[in-house]
């Protein structure tokens, strides 16, 4: 059993959709639209990465479980992360890690995240 399945079992959350409880697919659609409206450059990718981390799985795990509801603890964690990303905080800062060539690196505030900056000097 993987971490996502364990979290479902511990939370005693039904895996079938219930009225009023959003599924993984519905949550991703709303999150991607929210990030797109905020002007985030890769809204679907960022929504996938954040929800996968909140659920303790990977992106493939989200698609396998797209019809299941998002466990309440994961939904709360994801909502906070989504708000931070909509405010344009880098995903690496939100999660505290950055993947590079299948390796995870710890990221802290002083770490260098790629940020586009305009050259403010006038020539």
PDB file of N, CA and C in Angstrom:
ATOM      1  N   UNK A   1       0.852  -1.184   0.000  1.00  0.00           N
ATOM      2  CA  UNK A   1       0.000   0.000   0.000  1.00  0.00           C
ATOM      3  C   UNK A   1       0.893   1.241   0.000  1.00  0.00           C
ATOM      4  N   UNK A   2       0.611   2.193  -0.879  1.00  0.00           N
ATOM      5  CA  UNK A   2       1.438   3.391  -0.927  1.00  0.00           C
ATOM      6  C   UNK A   2       0.943   4.435   0.077  1.00  0.00           C
ATOM      7  N   UNK A   3       1.638   5.558   0.151  1.00  0.00           N
ATOM      8  CA  UNK A   3       1.312   6.599   1.135  1.00  0.00           C
ATOM      9  C   UNK A   3      -0.082   7.170   0.928  1.00  0.00           C
ATOM     10  N   UNK A   4      -0.488   7.319  -0.326  1.00  0.00           N
ATOM     11  CA  UNK A   4      -1.816   7.871  -0.608  1.00  0.00           C
ATOM     12  C   UNK A   4      -2.893   6.909  -0.120  1.00  0.00           C
ATOM     13  N   UNK A   5      -2.729   5.621  -0.415  1.00  0.00           N
ATOM     14  CA  UNK A   5      -3.707   4.630   0.033  1.00  0.00           C
ATOM     15  C   UNK A   5      -3.741   4.563   1.557  1.00  0.00           C
ATOM     16  N   UNK A   6      -2.573   4.648   2.189  1.00  0.00           N
ATOM     17  CA  UNK A   6      -2.533   4.658   3.660  1.00  0.00           C
ATOM     18  C   UNK A   6      -3.263   5.862   4.224  1.00  0.00           C
ATOM     19  N   UNK A   7      -3.104   7.029   3.587  1.00  0.00           N
ATOM     20  CA  UNK A   7      -3.783   8.217   4.092  1.00  0.00           C
ATOM     21  C   UNK A   7      -5.288   8.075   3.934  1.00  0.00           C
ATOM     22  N   UNK A   8      -5.732   7.426   2.853  1.00  0.00           N
ATOM     23  CA  UNK A   8      -7.170   7.183   2.689  1.00  0.00           C
ATOM     24  C   UNK A   8      -7.689   6.258   3.778  1.00  0.00           C
ATOM     25  N   UNK A   9      -6.930   5.207   4.065  1.00  0.00           N
ATOM     26  CA  UNK A   9      -7.362   4.249   5.077  1.00  0.00           C
ATOM     27  C   UNK A   9      -7.408   4.892   6.463  1.00  0.00           C
ATOM     28  N   UNK A  10      -6.377   5.676   6.791  1.00  0.00           N
ATOM     29  CA  UNK A  10      -6.330   6.328   8.111  1.00  0.00           C
ATOM     30  C   UNK A  10      -7.445   7.342   8.266  1.00  0.00           C
ATOM     31  N   UNK A  11      -7.749   8.070   7.208  1.00  0.00           N
ATOM     32  CA  UNK A  11      -8.769   9.109   7.297  1.00  0.00           C
ATOM     33  C   UNK A  11     -10.175   8.536   7.191  1.00  0.00           C
ATOM     34  N   UNK A  12     -10.293   7.247   6.876  1.00  0.00           N
ATOM     35  CA  UNK A  12     -11.580   6.578   6.720  1.00  0.00           C
ATOM     36  C   UNK A  12     -12.463   7.333   5.729  1.00  0.00           C
ATOM     37  N   UNK A  13     -11.857   7.741   4.624  1.00  0.00           N
ATOM     38  CA  UNK A  13     -12.569   8.490   3.599  1.00  0.00           C
ATOM     39  C   UNK A  13     -13.035   7.503   2.540  1.00  0.00           C
ATOM     40  N   UNK A  14     -14.303   7.557   2.157  1.00  0.00           N
ATOM     41  CA  UNK A  14     -14.750   6.666   1.087  1.00  0.00           C
ATOM     42  C   UNK A  14     -14.036   6.999  -0.216  1.00  0.00           C
ATOM     43  N   UNK A  15     -13.794   5.987  -1.042  1.00  0.00           N
ATOM     44  CA  UNK A  15     -13.098   6.232  -2.294  1.00  0.00           C
ATOM     45  C   UNK A  15     -14.051   6.608  -3.412  1.00  0.00           C
ATOM     46  N   UNK A  16     -15.337   6.347  -3.228  1.00  0.00           N
ATOM     47  CA  UNK A  16     -16.314   6.728  -4.251  1.00  0.00           C
ATOM     48  C   UNK A  16     -16.717   8.185  -4.037  1.00  0.00           C
ATOM     49  N   UNK A  17     -16.973   8.910  -5.108  1.00  0.00           N
ATOM     50  CA  UNK A  17     -17.404  10.298  -4.959  1.00  0.00           C
ATOM     51  C   UNK A  17     -18.693  10.386  -4.156  1.00  0.00           C
ATOM     52  N   UNK A  18     -18.759  11.390  -3.316  1.00  0.00           N
ATOM     53  CA  UNK A  18     -19.965  11.647  -2.542  1.00  0.00           C
ATOM     54  C   UNK A  18     -20.453  13.047  -2.873  1.00  0.00           C
ATOM     55  N   UNK A  19     -21.750  13.274  -2.769  1.00  0.00           N
ATOM     56  CA  UNK A  19     -22.263  14.609  -3.092  1.00  0.00           C
ATOM     57  C   UNK A  19     -21.558  15.696  -2.282  1.00  0.00           C
ATOM     58  N   UNK A  20     -21.089  16.724  -2.961  1.00  0.00           N
ATOM     59  CA  UNK A  20     -20.444  17.851  -2.303  1.00  0.00           C
ATOM     60  C   UNK A  20     -18.955  17.682  -2.070  1.00  0.00           C
ATOM     61  N   UNK A  21     -18.434  16.465  -2.202  1.00  0.00           N
ATOM     62  CA  UNK A  21     -17.002  16.231  -2.007  1.00  0.00           C
ATOM     63  C   UNK A  21     -16.336  16.175  -3.380  1.00  0.00           C
ATOM     64  N   UNK A  22     -15.376  17.058  -3.642  1.00  0.00           N
ATOM     65  CA  UNK A  22     -14.749  17.082  -4.966  1.00  0.00           C
ATOM     66  C   UNK A  22     -13.816  15.893  -5.187  1.00  0.00           C
ATOM     67  N   UNK A  23     -13.824  15.393  -6.403  1.00  0.00           N
ATOM     68  CA  UNK A  23     -12.894  14.330  -6.765  1.00  0.00           C
ATOM     69  C   UNK A  23     -11.535  14.942  -7.083  1.00  0.00           C
ATOM     70  N   UNK A  24     -10.558  14.080  -7.259  1.00  0.00           N
ATOM     71  CA  UNK A  24      -9.226  14.545  -7.642  1.00  0.00           C
ATOM     72  C   UNK A  24      -9.299  15.306  -8.966  1.00  0.00           C
ATOM     73  N   UNK A  25     -10.022  14.765  -9.942  1.00  0.00           N
ATOM     74  CA  UNK A  25     -10.128  15.419 -11.253  1.00  0.00           C
ATOM     75  C   UNK A  25     -10.792  16.791 -11.137  1.00  0.00           C
ATOM     76  N   UNK A  26     -11.852  16.885 -10.344  1.00  0.00           N
ATOM     77  CA  UNK A  26     -12.538  18.169 -10.163  1.00  0.00           C
ATOM     78  C   UNK A  26     -11.637  19.173  -9.448  1.00  0.00           C
ATOM     79  N   UNK A  27     -10.928  18.701  -8.440  1.00  0.00           N
ATOM     80  CA  UNK A  27     -10.019  19.570  -7.689  1.00  0.00           C
ATOM     81  C   UNK A  27      -8.932  20.117  -8.603  1.00  0.00           C
ATOM     82  N   UNK A  28      -8.372  19.256  -9.453  1.00  0.00           N
ATOM     83  CA  UNK A  28      -7.322  19.698 -10.375  1.00  0.00           C
ATOM     84  C   UNK A  28      -7.846  20.707 -11.385  1.00  0.00           C
ATOM     85  N   UNK A  29      -9.047  20.499 -11.883  1.00  0.00           N
ATOM     86  CA  UNK A  29      -9.624  21.425 -12.866  1.00  0.00           C
ATOM     87  C   UNK A  29      -9.833  22.806 -12.256  1.00  0.00           C
ATOM     88  N   UNK A  30     -10.384  22.850 -11.055  1.00  0.00           N
ATOM     89  CA  UNK A  30     -10.617  24.137 -10.382  1.00  0.00           C
ATOM     90  C   UNK A  30      -9.285  24.808 -10.045  1.00  0.00           C
ATOM     91  N   UNK A  31      -8.330  24.018  -9.560  1.00  0.00           N
ATOM     92  CA  UNK A  31      -7.030  24.576  -9.186  1.00  0.00           C
ATOM     93  C   UNK A  31      -6.300  25.137 -10.407  1.00  0.00           C
ATOM     94  N   UNK A  32      -6.323  24.414 -11.509  1.00  0.00           N
ATOM     95  CA  UNK A  32      -5.660  24.891 -12.723  1.00  0.00           C
ATOM     96  C   UNK A  32      -6.304  26.186 -13.212  1.00  0.00           C
ATOM     97  N   UNK A  33      -7.616  26.267 -13.145  1.00  0.00           N
ATOM     98  CA  UNK A  33      -8.312  27.496 -13.550  1.00  0.00           C
ATOM     99  C   UNK A  33      -7.958  28.652 -12.627  1.00  0.00           C
ATOM    100  N   UNK A  34      -7.850  28.371 -11.332  1.00  0.00           N
ATOM    101  CA  UNK A  34      -7.478  29.393 -10.354  1.00  0.00           C
ATOM    102  C   UNK A  34      -6.085  29.935 -10.640  1.00  0.00           C
ATOM    103  N   UNK A  35      -5.139  29.029 -10.902  1.00  0.00           N
ATOM    104  CA  UNK A  35      -3.764  29.451 -11.167  1.00  0.00           C
ATOM    105  C   UNK A  35      -3.660  30.172 -12.514  1.00  0.00           C
ATOM    106  N   UNK A  36      -4.417  29.718 -13.501  1.00  0.00           N
ATOM    107  CA  UNK A  36      -4.409  30.397 -14.799  1.00  0.00           C
ATOM    108  C   UNK A  36      -4.937  31.824 -14.655  1.00  0.00           C
ATOM    109  N   UNK A  37      -5.998  31.985 -13.871  1.00  0.00           N
ATOM    110  CA  UNK A  37      -6.560  33.327 -13.646  1.00  0.00           C
ATOM    111  C   UNK A  37      -5.577  34.221 -12.914  1.00  0.00           C
ATOM    112  N   UNK A  38      -4.703  33.625 -12.100  1.00  0.00           N
ATOM    113  CA  UNK A  38      -3.698  34.392 -11.368  1.00  0.00           C
ATOM    114  C   UNK A  38      -2.472  34.695 -12.232  1.00  0.00           C
ATOM    115  N   UNK A  39      -2.442  34.153 -13.454  1.00  0.00           N
ATOM    116  CA  UNK A  39      -1.333  34.434 -14.349  1.00  0.00           C
ATOM    117  C   UNK A  39      -0.137  33.525 -14.176  1.00  0.00           C
ATOM    118  N   UNK A  40      -0.313  32.388 -13.530  1.00  0.00           N
ATOM    119  CA  UNK A  40       0.780  31.434 -13.349  1.00  0.00           C
ATOM    120  C   UNK A  40       1.067  30.787 -14.701  1.00  0.00           C
ATOM    121  N   UNK A  41       2.333  30.644 -15.041  1.00  0.00           N
ATOM    122  CA  UNK A  41       2.732  30.171 -16.359  1.00  0.00           C
ATOM    123  C   UNK A  41       2.421  28.724 -16.665  1.00  0.00           C
ATOM    124  N   UNK A  42       2.404  27.866 -15.683  1.00  0.00           N
ATOM    125  CA  UNK A  42       2.127  26.437 -15.910  1.00  0.00           C
ATOM    126  C   UNK A  42       1.079  25.973 -14.904  1.00  0.00           C
ATOM    127  N   UNK A  43      -0.162  26.427 -15.064  1.00  0.00           N
ATOM    128  CA  UNK A  43      -1.175  26.182 -14.045  1.00  0.00           C
ATOM    129  C   UNK A  43      -1.501  24.709 -13.810  1.00  0.00           C
ATOM    130  N   UNK A  44      -1.636  23.916 -14.859  1.00  0.00           N
ATOM    131  CA  UNK A  44      -1.998  22.505 -14.664  1.00  0.00           C
ATOM    132  C   UNK A  44      -0.856  21.727 -14.035  1.00  0.00           C
ATOM    133  N   UNK A  45       0.356  21.950 -14.494  1.00  0.00           N
ATOM    134  CA  UNK A  45       1.510  21.266 -13.928  1.00  0.00           C
ATOM    135  C   UNK A  45       1.655  21.608 -12.446  1.00  0.00           C
ATOM    136  N   UNK A  46       1.566  22.880 -12.117  1.00  0.00           N
ATOM    137  CA  UNK A  46       1.710  23.294 -10.723  1.00  0.00           C
ATOM    138  C   UNK A  46       0.608  22.703  -9.856  1.00  0.00           C
ATOM    139  N   UNK A  47      -0.633  22.685 -10.361  1.00  0.00           N
ATOM    140  CA  UNK A  47      -1.743  22.089  -9.616  1.00  0.00           C
ATOM    141  C   UNK A  47      -1.493  20.602  -9.396  1.00  0.00           C
ATOM    142  N   UNK A  48      -1.023  19.907 -10.423  1.00  0.00           N
ATOM    143  CA  UNK A  48      -0.717  18.482 -10.306  1.00  0.00           C
ATOM    144  C   UNK A  48       0.347  18.226  -9.243  1.00  0.00           C
ATOM    145  N   UNK A  49       1.434  18.968  -9.314  1.00  0.00           N
ATOM    146  CA  UNK A  49       2.555  18.763  -8.393  1.00  0.00           C
ATOM    147  C   UNK A  49       2.127  19.045  -6.949  1.00  0.00           C
ATOM    148  N   UNK A  50       1.386  20.129  -6.736  1.00  0.00           N
ATOM    149  CA  UNK A  50       0.962  20.481  -5.381  1.00  0.00           C
ATOM    150  C   UNK A  50      -0.038  19.476  -4.823  1.00  0.00           C
ATOM    151  N   UNK A  51      -1.020  19.054  -5.636  1.00  0.00           N
ATOM    152  CA  UNK A  51      -2.003  18.092  -5.136  1.00  0.00           C
ATOM    153  C   UNK A  51      -1.358  16.731  -4.891  1.00  0.00           C
ATOM    154  N   UNK A  52      -0.464  16.321  -5.761  1.00  0.00           N
ATOM    155  CA  UNK A  52       0.236  15.051  -5.556  1.00  0.00           C
ATOM    156  C   UNK A  52       1.007  15.076  -4.239  1.00  0.00           C
ATOM    157  N   UNK A  53       1.705  16.163  -3.971  1.00  0.00           N
ATOM    158  CA  UNK A  53       2.456  16.278  -2.713  1.00  0.00           C
ATOM    159  C   UNK A  53       1.509  16.288  -1.513  1.00  0.00           C
ATOM    160  N   UNK A  54       0.391  16.985  -1.633  1.00  0.00           N
ATOM    161  CA  UNK A  54      -0.574  17.047  -0.531  1.00  0.00           C
ATOM    162  C   UNK A  54      -1.168  15.678  -0.233  1.00  0.00           C
ATOM    163  N   UNK A  55      -1.336  14.855  -1.275  1.00  0.00           N
ATOM    164  CA  UNK A  55      -1.917  13.523  -1.113  1.00  0.00           C
ATOM    165  C   UNK A  55      -0.869  12.446  -0.833  1.00  0.00           C
ATOM    166  N   UNK A  56       0.400  12.815  -0.890  1.00  0.00           N
ATOM    167  CA  UNK A  56       1.457  11.845  -0.617  1.00  0.00           C
ATOM    168  C   UNK A  56       1.642  10.836  -1.741  1.00  0.00           C
ATOM    169  N   UNK A  57       1.445  11.272  -2.962  1.00  0.00           N
ATOM    170  CA  UNK A  57       1.607  10.397  -4.121  1.00  0.00           C
ATOM    171  C   UNK A  57       2.359  11.153  -5.207  1.00  0.00           C
ATOM    172  N   UNK A  58       2.417  10.586  -6.388  1.00  0.00           N
ATOM    173  CA  UNK A  58       3.023  11.294  -7.516  1.00  0.00           C
ATOM    174  C   UNK A  58       1.925  11.661  -8.505  1.00  0.00           C
ATOM    175  N   UNK A  59       2.309  12.320  -9.588  1.00  0.00           N
ATOM    176  CA  UNK A  59       1.310  12.778 -10.560  1.00  0.00           C
ATOM    177  C   UNK A  59       0.564  11.609 -11.185  1.00  0.00           C
ATOM    178  N   UNK A  60       1.256  10.506 -11.449  1.00  0.00           N
ATOM    179  CA  UNK A  60       0.589   9.330 -12.018  1.00  0.00           C
ATOM    180  C   UNK A  60      -0.467   8.797 -11.057  1.00  0.00           C
ATOM    181  N   UNK A  61      -0.165   8.849  -9.762  1.00  0.00           N
ATOM    182  CA  UNK A  61      -1.124   8.400  -8.761  1.00  0.00           C
ATOM    183  C   UNK A  61      -2.399   9.219  -8.760  1.00  0.00           C
ATOM    184  N   UNK A  62      -2.281  10.501  -9.081  1.00  0.00           N
ATOM    185  CA  UNK A  62      -3.469  11.346  -9.165  1.00  0.00           C
ATOM    186  C   UNK A  62      -4.387  10.887 -10.289  1.00  0.00           C
ATOM    187  N   UNK A  63      -3.800  10.561 -11.414  1.00  0.00           N
ATOM    188  CA  UNK A  63      -4.605  10.166 -12.562  1.00  0.00           C
ATOM    189  C   UNK A  63      -5.248   8.793 -12.352  1.00  0.00           C
ATOM    190  N   UNK A  64      -4.543   7.911 -11.678  1.00  0.00           N
ATOM    191  CA  UNK A  64      -5.118   6.604 -11.364  1.00  0.00           C
ATOM    192  C   UNK A  64      -6.309   6.765 -10.430  1.00  0.00           C
ATOM    193  N   UNK A  65      -6.239   7.733  -9.535  1.00  0.00           N
ATOM    194  CA  UNK A  65      -7.296   7.954  -8.543  1.00  0.00           C
ATOM    195  C   UNK A  65      -8.161   9.182  -8.866  1.00  0.00           C
ATOM    196  N   UNK A  66      -8.241   9.539 -10.125  1.00  0.00           N
ATOM    197  CA  UNK A  66      -8.944  10.773 -10.493  1.00  0.00           C
ATOM    198  C   UNK A  66     -10.418  10.769 -10.118  1.00  0.00           C
ATOM    199  N   UNK A  67     -11.019   9.616  -9.957  1.00  0.00           N
ATOM    200  CA  UNK A  67     -12.438   9.513  -9.615  1.00  0.00           C
ATOM    201  C   UNK A  67     -12.684   9.500  -8.101  1.00  0.00           C
ATOM    202  N   UNK A  68     -11.621   9.413  -7.318  1.00  0.00           N
ATOM    203  CA  UNK A  68     -11.755   9.372  -5.862  1.00  0.00           C
ATOM    204  C   UNK A  68     -11.809  10.784  -5.291  1.00  0.00           C
ATOM    205  N   UNK A  69     -12.349  10.887  -4.079  1.00  0.00           N
ATOM    206  CA  UNK A  69     -12.373  12.196  -3.442  1.00  0.00           C
ATOM    207  C   UNK A  69     -11.016  12.498  -2.827  1.00  0.00           C
ATOM    208  N   UNK A  70     -10.731  13.764  -2.662  1.00  0.00           N
ATOM    209  CA  UNK A  70      -9.488  14.198  -2.026  1.00  0.00           C
ATOM    210  C   UNK A  70      -9.705  14.101  -0.516  1.00  0.00           C
ATOM    211  N   UNK A  71      -8.833  13.383   0.201  1.00  0.00           N
ATOM    212  CA  UNK A  71      -8.994  13.277   1.654  1.00  0.00           C
ATOM    213  C   UNK A  71      -8.985  14.666   2.299  1.00  0.00           C
ATOM    214  N   UNK A  72      -9.840  14.902   3.295  1.00  0.00           N
ATOM    215  CA  UNK A  72      -9.919  16.236   3.914  1.00  0.00           C
ATOM    216  C   UNK A  72      -8.586  16.819   4.383  1.00  0.00           C
ATOM    217  N   UNK A  73      -7.703  16.042   5.038  1.00  0.00           N
ATOM    218  CA  UNK A  73      -6.416  16.653   5.430  1.00  0.00           C
ATOM    219  C   UNK A  73      -5.598  17.117   4.222  1.00  0.00           C
ATOM    220  N   UNK A  74      -5.622  16.323   3.162  1.00  0.00           N
ATOM    221  CA  UNK A  74      -4.890  16.704   1.947  1.00  0.00           C
ATOM    222  C   UNK A  74      -5.537  17.917   1.286  1.00  0.00           C
ATOM    223  N   UNK A  75      -6.857  17.978   1.307  1.00  0.00           N
ATOM    224  CA  UNK A  75      -7.567  19.112   0.712  1.00  0.00           C
ATOM    225  C   UNK A  75      -7.229  20.415   1.432  1.00  0.00           C
ATOM    226  N   UNK A  76      -7.133  20.354   2.758  1.00  0.00           N
ATOM    227  CA  UNK A  76      -6.774  21.551   3.536  1.00  0.00           C
ATOM    228  C   UNK A  76      -5.360  22.003   3.224  1.00  0.00           C
ATOM    229  N   UNK A  77      -4.435  21.048   3.209  1.00  0.00           N
ATOM    230  CA  UNK A  77      -3.037  21.359   2.908  1.00  0.00           C
ATOM    231  C   UNK A  77      -2.935  21.955   1.496  1.00  0.00           C
ATOM    232  N   UNK A  78      -3.621  21.329   0.545  1.00  0.00           N
ATOM    233  CA  UNK A  78      -3.588  21.776  -0.841  1.00  0.00           C
ATOM    234  C   UNK A  78      -4.170  23.179  -0.993  1.00  0.00           C
ATOM    235  N   UNK A  79      -5.246  23.477  -0.298  1.00  0.00           N
ATOM    236  CA  UNK A  79      -5.868  24.809  -0.393  1.00  0.00           C
ATOM    237  C   UNK A  79      -4.884  25.899   0.026  1.00  0.00           C
ATOM    238  N   UNK A  80      -4.148  25.659   1.094  1.00  0.00           N
ATOM    239  CA  UNK A  80      -3.144  26.627   1.537  1.00  0.00           C
ATOM    240  C   UNK A  80      -2.026  26.791   0.526  1.00  0.00           C
ATOM    241  N   UNK A  81      -1.563  25.673  -0.011  1.00  0.00           N
ATOM    242  CA  UNK A  81      -0.492  25.722  -1.008  1.00  0.00           C
ATOM    243  C   UNK A  81      -0.959  26.395  -2.291  1.00  0.00           C
ATOM    244  N   UNK A  82      -2.200  26.134  -2.685  1.00  0.00           N
ATOM    245  CA  UNK A  82      -2.742  26.738  -3.899  1.00  0.00           C
ATOM    246  C   UNK A  82      -2.815  28.258  -3.768  1.00  0.00           C
ATOM    247  N   UNK A  83      -3.242  28.721  -2.607  1.00  0.00           N
ATOM    248  CA  UNK A  83      -3.309  30.173  -2.373  1.00  0.00           C
ATOM    249  C   UNK A  83      -1.921  30.799  -2.462  1.00  0.00           C
ATOM    250  N   UNK A  84      -0.924  30.131  -1.903  1.00  0.00           N
ATOM    251  CA  UNK A  84       0.448  30.645  -1.975  1.00  0.00           C
ATOM    252  C   UNK A  84       0.946  30.679  -3.416  1.00  0.00           C
ATOM    253  N   UNK A  85       0.631  29.633  -4.185  1.00  0.00           N
ATOM    254  CA  UNK A  85       1.068  29.602  -5.591  1.00  0.00           C
ATOM    255  C   UNK A  85       0.347  30.661  -6.404  1.00  0.00           C
ATOM    256  N   UNK A  86      -0.935  30.887  -6.108  1.00  0.00           N
ATOM    257  CA  UNK A  86      -1.686  31.938  -6.811  1.00  0.00           C
ATOM    258  C   UNK A  86      -1.091  33.312  -6.518  1.00  0.00           C
ATOM    259  N   UNK A  87      -0.428  33.448  -5.374  1.00  0.00           N
ATOM    260  CA  UNK A  87       0.286  34.690  -5.043  1.00  0.00           C
ATOM    261  C   UNK A  87       1.678  34.720  -5.664  1.00  0.00           C
ATOM    262  N   UNK A  88       1.963  33.742  -6.527  1.00  0.00           N
ATOM    263  CA  UNK A  88       3.190  33.648  -7.322  1.00  0.00           C
ATOM    264  C   UNK A  88       4.406  33.183  -6.538  1.00  0.00           C
ATOM    265  N   UNK A  89       4.204  32.534  -5.412  1.00  0.00           N
ATOM    266  CA  UNK A  89       5.323  31.934  -4.683  1.00  0.00           C
ATOM    267  C   UNK A  89       5.772  30.695  -5.455  1.00  0.00           C
ATOM    268  N   UNK A  90       7.065  30.504  -5.663  1.00  0.00           N
ATOM    269  CA  UNK A  90       7.538  29.337  -6.407  1.00  0.00           C
ATOM    270  C   UNK A  90       7.146  28.017  -5.731  1.00  0.00           C
ATOM    271  N   UNK A  91       6.813  27.024  -6.547  1.00  0.00           N
ATOM    272  CA  UNK A  91       6.426  25.710  -6.029  1.00  0.00           C
ATOM    273  C   UNK A  91       7.536  25.135  -5.154  1.00  0.00           C
ATOM    274  N   UNK A  92       8.782  25.342  -5.533  1.00  0.00           N
ATOM    275  CA  UNK A  92       9.905  24.820  -4.749  1.00  0.00           C
ATOM    276  C   UNK A  92       9.908  25.389  -3.333  1.00  0.00           C
ATOM    277  N   UNK A  93       9.561  26.649  -3.166  1.00  0.00           N
ATOM    278  CA  UNK A  93       9.482  27.234  -1.830  1.00  0.00           C
ATOM    279  C   UNK A  93       8.311  26.654  -1.053  1.00  0.00           C
ATOM    280  N   UNK A  94       7.189  26.450  -1.724  1.00  0.00           N
ATOM    281  CA  UNK A  94       5.999  25.921  -1.061  1.00  0.00           C
ATOM    282  C   UNK A  94       6.262  24.513  -0.540  1.00  0.00           C
ATOM    283  N   UNK A  95       6.850  23.662  -1.374  1.00  0.00           N
ATOM    284  CA  UNK A  95       7.080  22.270  -0.997  1.00  0.00           C
ATOM    285  C   UNK A  95       8.388  22.064  -0.236  1.00  0.00           C
ATOM    286  N   UNK A  96       9.310  23.018  -0.352  1.00  0.00           N
ATOM    287  CA  UNK A  96      10.598  22.873   0.323  1.00  0.00           C
ATOM    288  C   UNK A  96      11.547  21.930  -0.383  1.00  0.00           C
ATOM    289  N   UNK A  97      11.242  21.633  -1.636  1.00  0.00           N
ATOM    290  CA  UNK A  97      12.109  20.752  -2.415  1.00  0.00           C
ATOM    291  C   UNK A  97      11.936  21.056  -3.895  1.00  0.00           C
ATOM    292  N   UNK A  98      12.933  20.651  -4.674  1.00  0.00           N
ATOM    293  CA  UNK A  98      12.910  20.829  -6.129  1.00  0.00           C
ATOM    294  C   UNK A  98      13.509  19.590  -6.757  1.00  0.00           C
ATOM    295  N   UNK A  99      12.794  19.001  -7.705  1.00  0.00           N
ATOM    296  CA  UNK A  99      13.317  17.837  -8.406  1.00  0.00           C
ATOM    297  C   UNK A  99      14.180  18.300  -9.573  1.00  0.00           C
ATOM    298  N   UNK A 100      15.290  17.626  -9.758  1.00  0.00           N
ATOM    299  CA  UNK A 100      16.169  17.897 -10.887  1.00  0.00           C
ATOM    300  C   UNK A 100      16.766  16.575 -11.325  1.00  0.00           C
ATOM    301  N   UNK A 101      16.464  16.137 -12.520  1.00  0.00           N
ATOM    302  CA  UNK A 101      16.926  14.873 -13.069  1.00  0.00           C
ATOM    303  C   UNK A 101      16.632  13.723 -12.113  1.00  0.00           C
ATOM    304  N   UNK A 102      15.419  13.654 -11.642  1.00  0.00           N
ATOM    305  CA  UNK A 102      14.919  12.595 -10.753  1.00  0.00           C
ATOM    306  C   UNK A 102      15.567  12.610  -9.370  1.00  0.00           C
ATOM    307  N   UNK A 103      16.242  13.684  -9.024  1.00  0.00           N
ATOM    308  CA  UNK A 103      16.812  13.839  -7.691  1.00  0.00           C
ATOM    309  C   UNK A 103      16.068  14.965  -6.982  1.00  0.00           C
ATOM    310  N   UNK A 104      15.743  14.770  -5.713  1.00  0.00           N
ATOM    311  CA  UNK A 104      15.089  15.814  -4.931  1.00  0.00           C
ATOM    312  C   UNK A 104      16.123  16.599  -4.149  1.00  0.00           C
ATOM    313  N   UNK A 105      16.048  17.917  -4.250  1.00  0.00           N
ATOM    314  CA  UNK A 105      16.942  18.796  -3.511  1.00  0.00           C
ATOM    315  C   UNK A 105      16.108  19.634  -2.551  1.00  0.00           C
ATOM    316  N   UNK A 106      16.633  19.847  -1.358  1.00  0.00           N
ATOM    317  CA  UNK A 106      15.966  20.685  -0.368  1.00  0.00           C
ATOM    318  C   UNK A 106      16.108  22.134  -0.791  1.00  0.00           C
ATOM    319  N   UNK A 107      15.019  22.873  -0.697  1.00  0.00           N
ATOM    320  CA  UNK A 107      15.017  24.284  -1.082  1.00  0.00           C
ATOM    321  C   UNK A 107      14.581  25.108   0.120  1.00  0.00           C
ATOM    322  N   UNK A 108      15.348  26.148   0.416  1.00  0.00           N
ATOM    323  CA  UNK A 108      14.991  27.082   1.479  1.00  0.00           C
ATOM    324  C   UNK A 108      14.926  28.479   0.878  1.00  0.00           C
ATOM    325  N   UNK A 109      14.436  29.411   1.623  1.00  0.00           N
ATOM    326  CA  UNK A 109      14.289  30.785   1.112  1.00  0.00           C
ATOM    327  C   UNK A 109      15.567  31.354   0.506  1.00  0.00           C
ATOM    328  N   UNK A 110      16.715  31.215   1.143  1.00  0.00           N
ATOM    329  CA  UNK A 110      17.923  31.773   0.534  1.00  0.00           C
ATOM    330  C   UNK A 110      18.375  31.017  -0.712  1.00  0.00           C
ATOM    331  N   UNK A 111      17.803  29.828  -0.963  1.00  0.00           N
ATOM    332  CA  UNK A 111      18.183  29.057  -2.157  1.00  0.00           C
ATOM    333  C   UNK A 111      17.830  29.829  -3.411  1.00  0.00           C
ATOM    334  N   UNK A 112      18.483  29.475  -4.451  1.00  0.00           N
ATOM    335  CA  UNK A 112      18.239  30.154  -5.720  1.00  0.00           C
ATOM    336  C   UNK A 112      17.159  29.443  -6.507  1.00  0.00           C
ATOM    337  N   UNK A 113      16.042  30.108  -6.686  1.00  0.00           N
ATOM    338  CA  UNK A 113      14.989  29.642  -7.593  1.00  0.00           C
ATOM    339  C   UNK A 113      15.042  30.547  -8.810  1.00  0.00           C
ATOM    340  N   UNK A 114      14.825  29.952  -9.954  1.00  0.00           N
ATOM    341  CA  UNK A 114      14.878  30.737 -11.173  1.00  0.00           C
ATOM    342  C   UNK A 114      13.721  31.725 -11.186  1.00  0.00           C
ATOM    343  N   UNK A 115      14.060  33.003 -11.171  1.00  0.00           N
ATOM    344  CA  UNK A 115      13.065  34.065 -11.227  1.00  0.00           C
ATOM    345  C   UNK A 115      13.471  35.004 -12.339  1.00  0.00           C
ATOM    346  N   UNK A 116      12.529  35.300 -13.212  1.00  0.00           N
ATOM    347  CA  UNK A 116      12.843  36.233 -14.289  1.00  0.00           C
ATOM    348  C   UNK A 116      12.805  37.651 -13.742  1.00  0.00           C
ATOM    349  N   UNK A 117      13.846  38.382 -14.011  1.00  0.00           N
ATOM    350  CA  UNK A 117      13.930  39.770 -13.563  1.00  0.00           C
ATOM    351  C   UNK A 117      14.242  40.657 -14.744  1.00  0.00           C
ATOM    352  N   UNK A 118      13.698  41.833 -14.687  1.00  0.00           N
ATOM    353  CA  UNK A 118      13.995  42.809 -15.732  1.00  0.00           C
ATOM    354  C   UNK A 118      15.269  43.565 -15.385  1.00  0.00           C
ATOM    355  N   UNK A 119      16.008  43.863 -16.376  1.00  0.00           N
ATOM    356  CA  UNK A 119      17.180  44.677 -16.182  1.00  0.00           C
ATOM    357  C   UNK A 119      16.710  46.116 -15.955  1.00  0.00           C
ATOM    358  N   UNK A 120      16.933  46.634 -14.769  1.00  0.00           N
ATOM    359  CA  UNK A 120      16.422  47.971 -14.431  1.00  0.00           C
ATOM    360  C   UNK A 120      17.397  49.082 -14.783  1.00  0.00           C
ATOM    361  N   UNK A 121      18.582  48.729 -15.235  1.00  0.00           N
ATOM    362  CA  UNK A 121      19.544  49.779 -15.583  1.00  0.00           C
ATOM    363  C   UNK A 121      19.179  50.377 -16.930  1.00  0.00           C
ATOM    364  N   UNK A 122      19.357  51.658 -17.034  1.00  0.00           N
ATOM    365  CA  UNK A 122      19.078  52.324 -18.323  1.00  0.00           C
ATOM    366  C   UNK A 122      20.399  52.638 -19.001  1.00  0.00           C
ATOM    367  N   UNK A 123      20.477  52.236 -20.230  1.00  0.00           N
ATOM    368  CA  UNK A 123      21.718  52.463 -20.988  1.00  0.00           C
ATOM    369  C   UNK A 123      21.594  53.637 -21.873  1.00  0.00           C
TER     370      UNK A 123
END
